[in-house]
Amino acid sequence: MRKNIPWRRRLAAPKFEDGSVVYLAERSVVQFKKLQATDDSTESRLYLLTGTATIVHKSHGQDEMFVQTPTSKLHSKDGSRCASRVR
């Protein structure tokens, strides 16, 4: 199931099971392509359709986050902590 979340005013901040947060700026739209959790890992796949997002990924072992925009891709995994801003 895919879900688009448009955000027009203020800041939206969806939080994930692993403690990661995606901060969406005004007039941003993100599509959640995949949100999966198992006993020892999580996998999140997001597509930023428009706008700006600041991503703070807190990986604990095998957690992975994939973020795609119309012009770039970001992948974070393996116990790392990643903070990125994408447009």
N, C-alpha and C. Protein backbone atom coordinates (compact mmCIF):
# COMPACT_ATOMS: atom_id res chain seq x y z
N MET A 1 0.83 -1.18 0.00
CA MET A 1 0.00 0.00 0.00
C MET A 1 0.88 1.24 0.00
N ARG A 2 0.59 2.17 -0.88
CA ARG A 2 1.32 3.43 -0.94
C ARG A 2 0.45 4.53 -0.38
N LYS A 3 1.08 5.42 0.33
CA LYS A 3 0.33 6.50 0.96
C LYS A 3 1.09 7.79 0.72
N ASN A 4 0.45 8.78 0.12
CA ASN A 4 1.04 10.10 -0.06
C ASN A 4 0.61 10.98 1.10
N ILE A 5 1.55 11.73 1.63
CA ILE A 5 1.22 12.67 2.69
C ILE A 5 1.62 14.07 2.24
N PRO A 6 0.65 14.88 1.82
CA PRO A 6 0.98 16.27 1.48
C PRO A 6 0.99 17.12 2.75
N TRP A 7 1.86 18.08 2.79
CA TRP A 7 1.92 18.93 3.97
C TRP A 7 2.04 20.37 3.50
N ARG A 8 1.09 21.20 3.86
CA ARG A 8 1.05 22.56 3.34
C ARG A 8 1.43 23.62 4.37
N ARG A 9 1.22 23.34 5.63
CA ARG A 9 1.51 24.35 6.66
C ARG A 9 2.30 23.71 7.78
N ARG A 10 3.19 24.49 8.33
CA ARG A 10 4.03 24.06 9.44
C ARG A 10 4.91 22.88 9.05
N LEU A 11 5.46 22.23 10.03
CA LEU A 11 6.40 21.14 9.80
C LEU A 11 5.76 19.82 10.20
N ALA A 12 5.82 18.85 9.32
CA ALA A 12 5.35 17.50 9.65
C ALA A 12 6.56 16.66 10.01
N ALA A 13 6.40 15.76 10.95
CA ALA A 13 7.54 14.94 11.40
C ALA A 13 7.10 13.51 11.68
N PRO A 14 6.91 12.70 10.61
CA PRO A 14 6.61 11.28 10.84
C PRO A 14 7.77 10.59 11.56
N LYS A 15 7.45 9.79 12.58
CA LYS A 15 8.48 9.06 13.34
C LYS A 15 8.34 7.57 13.04
N PHE A 16 9.48 6.86 13.10
CA PHE A 16 9.52 5.45 12.76
C PHE A 16 9.87 4.62 13.98
N GLU A 17 9.62 3.30 13.89
CA GLU A 17 9.86 2.39 15.02
C GLU A 17 11.29 2.40 15.52
N ASP A 18 12.26 2.62 14.61
CA ASP A 18 13.67 2.60 15.00
C ASP A 18 14.14 3.93 15.58
N GLY A 19 13.25 4.90 15.72
CA GLY A 19 13.60 6.20 16.26
C GLY A 19 13.94 7.24 15.21
N SER A 20 13.93 6.86 13.95
CA SER A 20 14.21 7.79 12.86
C SER A 20 13.06 8.78 12.71
N VAL A 21 13.38 9.94 12.15
CA VAL A 21 12.38 10.99 11.94
C VAL A 21 12.61 11.59 10.56
N VAL A 22 11.53 11.90 9.85
CA VAL A 22 11.59 12.63 8.60
C VAL A 22 10.83 13.94 8.82
N TYR A 23 11.55 15.05 8.78
CA TYR A 23 10.93 16.36 8.94
C TYR A 23 10.61 16.89 7.55
N LEU A 24 9.33 17.19 7.31
CA LEU A 24 8.89 17.70 6.02
C LEU A 24 8.64 19.19 6.11
N ALA A 25 9.22 19.93 5.17
CA ALA A 25 8.99 21.37 5.10
C ALA A 25 7.61 21.64 4.51
N GLU A 26 7.18 22.89 4.58
CA GLU A 26 5.90 23.28 4.01
C GLU A 26 5.84 22.91 2.53
N ARG A 27 4.66 22.57 2.06
CA ARG A 27 4.39 22.24 0.66
C ARG A 27 5.20 21.05 0.16
N SER A 28 5.51 20.13 1.04
CA SER A 28 6.24 18.92 0.67
C SER A 28 5.27 17.74 0.60
N VAL A 29 5.59 16.79 -0.29
CA VAL A 29 4.78 15.58 -0.42
C VAL A 29 5.73 14.39 -0.41
N VAL A 30 5.48 13.45 0.50
CA VAL A 30 6.29 12.24 0.56
C VAL A 30 5.38 11.03 0.34
N GLN A 31 5.90 10.05 -0.36
CA GLN A 31 5.17 8.81 -0.60
C GLN A 31 5.90 7.69 0.14
N PHE A 32 5.18 6.98 0.99
CA PHE A 32 5.75 5.86 1.71
C PHE A 32 5.55 4.62 0.84
N LYS A 33 6.63 4.15 0.23
CA LYS A 33 6.55 2.99 -0.66
C LYS A 33 6.58 1.68 0.12
N LYS A 34 7.36 1.64 1.21
CA LYS A 34 7.46 0.40 1.99
C LYS A 34 7.84 0.74 3.42
N LEU A 35 7.09 0.21 4.36
CA LEU A 35 7.40 0.30 5.78
C LEU A 35 7.28 -1.11 6.34
N GLN A 36 8.41 -1.69 6.70
CA GLN A 36 8.43 -3.09 7.14
C GLN A 36 9.26 -3.23 8.39
N ALA A 37 8.76 -3.98 9.35
CA ALA A 37 9.50 -4.25 10.58
C ALA A 37 9.47 -5.74 10.87
N THR A 38 10.64 -6.28 11.22
CA THR A 38 10.74 -7.66 11.67
C THR A 38 11.30 -7.62 13.09
N ASP A 39 11.58 -8.78 13.67
CA ASP A 39 12.10 -8.82 15.03
C ASP A 39 13.44 -8.11 15.18
N ASP A 40 14.28 -8.13 14.13
CA ASP A 40 15.63 -7.57 14.27
C ASP A 40 15.97 -6.45 13.29
N SER A 41 15.00 -5.99 12.48
CA SER A 41 15.32 -4.92 11.54
C SER A 41 14.07 -4.19 11.07
N THR A 42 14.29 -3.01 10.49
CA THR A 42 13.22 -2.27 9.83
C THR A 42 13.71 -1.86 8.45
N GLU A 43 12.77 -1.69 7.54
CA GLU A 43 13.10 -1.18 6.20
C GLU A 43 12.06 -0.14 5.83
N SER A 44 12.54 1.05 5.48
CA SER A 44 11.67 2.16 5.09
C SER A 44 12.09 2.64 3.72
N ARG A 45 11.13 2.75 2.81
CA ARG A 45 11.39 3.27 1.46
C ARG A 45 10.45 4.45 1.23
N LEU A 46 11.05 5.62 1.01
CA LEU A 46 10.29 6.85 0.85
C LEU A 46 10.61 7.50 -0.48
N TYR A 47 9.64 8.19 -1.06
CA TYR A 47 9.86 8.97 -2.26
C TYR A 47 9.38 10.39 -1.98
N LEU A 48 10.30 11.34 -2.01
CA LEU A 48 9.96 12.75 -1.80
C LEU A 48 9.55 13.31 -3.15
N LEU A 49 8.25 13.48 -3.34
CA LEU A 49 7.72 13.93 -4.63
C LEU A 49 8.01 15.40 -4.88
N THR A 50 7.77 16.24 -3.88
CA THR A 50 8.07 17.67 -3.99
C THR A 50 8.48 18.19 -2.63
N GLY A 51 9.18 19.31 -2.61
CA GLY A 51 9.52 19.96 -1.36
C GLY A 51 10.87 19.56 -0.80
N THR A 52 11.01 19.74 0.52
CA THR A 52 12.27 19.50 1.22
C THR A 52 12.01 18.64 2.44
N ALA A 53 12.93 17.71 2.69
CA ALA A 53 12.84 16.85 3.87
C ALA A 53 14.20 16.80 4.55
N THR A 54 14.18 16.79 5.86
CA THR A 54 15.39 16.54 6.64
C THR A 54 15.19 15.19 7.30
N ILE A 55 16.12 14.27 7.04
CA ILE A 55 16.00 12.89 7.50
C ILE A 55 17.05 12.61 8.56
N VAL A 56 16.61 12.10 9.70
CA VAL A 56 17.52 11.65 10.76
C VAL A 56 17.26 10.17 10.93
N HIS A 57 18.17 9.35 10.40
CA HIS A 57 18.02 7.89 10.45
C HIS A 57 18.89 7.35 11.57
N LYS A 58 18.29 6.65 12.50
CA LYS A 58 19.00 6.05 13.64
C LYS A 58 18.95 4.54 13.49
N SER A 59 19.92 4.01 12.76
CA SER A 59 19.94 2.58 12.50
C SER A 59 20.49 1.83 13.71
N HIS A 60 19.86 0.73 14.02
CA HIS A 60 20.29 -0.13 15.12
C HIS A 60 20.57 -1.52 14.55
N GLY A 61 21.72 -1.67 13.95
CA GLY A 61 22.05 -2.97 13.37
C GLY A 61 21.66 -3.08 11.92
N GLN A 62 20.54 -3.74 11.64
CA GLN A 62 20.18 -4.01 10.25
C GLN A 62 19.03 -3.13 9.73
N ASP A 63 18.78 -2.01 10.37
CA ASP A 63 17.74 -1.10 9.90
C ASP A 63 18.22 -0.38 8.65
N GLU A 64 17.32 -0.22 7.68
CA GLU A 64 17.67 0.46 6.43
C GLU A 64 16.62 1.49 6.08
N MET A 65 17.09 2.60 5.49
CA MET A 65 16.19 3.62 4.99
C MET A 65 16.65 4.01 3.59
N PHE A 66 15.70 3.99 2.65
CA PHE A 66 15.94 4.40 1.28
C PHE A 66 15.08 5.64 1.03
N VAL A 67 15.70 6.70 0.53
CA VAL A 67 14.96 7.91 0.19
C VAL A 67 15.30 8.26 -1.25
N GLN A 68 14.26 8.50 -2.04
CA GLN A 68 14.47 8.86 -3.43
C GLN A 68 13.75 10.16 -3.72
N THR A 69 14.37 11.00 -4.54
CA THR A 69 13.76 12.23 -5.03
C THR A 69 13.77 12.15 -6.55
N PRO A 70 13.18 13.12 -7.23
CA PRO A 70 13.25 13.09 -8.69
C PRO A 70 14.69 13.15 -9.23
N THR A 71 15.64 13.63 -8.42
CA THR A 71 17.01 13.81 -8.92
C THR A 71 18.09 13.04 -8.16
N SER A 72 17.76 12.41 -7.03
CA SER A 72 18.82 11.74 -6.26
C SER A 72 18.26 10.59 -5.42
N LYS A 73 19.20 9.82 -4.84
CA LYS A 73 18.85 8.70 -3.97
C LYS A 73 19.74 8.73 -2.74
N LEU A 74 19.20 8.27 -1.61
CA LEU A 74 19.94 8.18 -0.36
C LEU A 74 19.64 6.83 0.27
N HIS A 75 20.67 6.17 0.77
CA HIS A 75 20.51 4.87 1.43
C HIS A 75 21.34 4.88 2.70
N SER A 76 20.72 4.53 3.82
CA SER A 76 21.41 4.48 5.11
C SER A 76 21.13 3.13 5.76
N LYS A 77 22.20 2.49 6.31
CA LYS A 77 22.02 1.18 6.95
C LYS A 77 23.18 0.84 7.87
N ASP A 78 23.12 -0.37 8.46
CA ASP A 78 24.21 -0.99 9.21
C ASP A 78 24.72 -0.19 10.41
N GLY A 79 23.84 0.14 11.31
CA GLY A 79 24.28 0.76 12.56
C GLY A 79 24.76 2.18 12.45
N SER A 80 24.48 2.83 11.33
CA SER A 80 24.94 4.20 11.14
C SER A 80 23.87 5.18 11.62
N ARG A 81 24.29 6.40 11.78
CA ARG A 81 23.36 7.49 12.06
C ARG A 81 23.54 8.48 10.92
N CYS A 82 22.48 8.76 10.22
CA CYS A 82 22.56 9.60 9.03
C CYS A 82 21.61 10.78 9.21
N ALA A 83 22.10 11.96 8.95
CA ALA A 83 21.25 13.15 8.93
C ALA A 83 21.48 13.83 7.60
N SER A 84 20.42 13.95 6.81
CA SER A 84 20.54 14.53 5.47
C SER A 84 19.34 15.43 5.19
N ARG A 85 19.59 16.40 4.32
CA ARG A 85 18.50 17.27 3.86
C ARG A 85 18.40 17.09 2.35
N VAL A 86 17.23 16.75 1.87
CA VAL A 86 17.04 16.52 0.44
C VAL A 86 15.93 17.40 -0.09
N ARG A 87 16.05 17.75 -1.38
CA ARG A 87 15.04 18.56 -2.07
C ARG A 87 14.70 17.89 -3.36
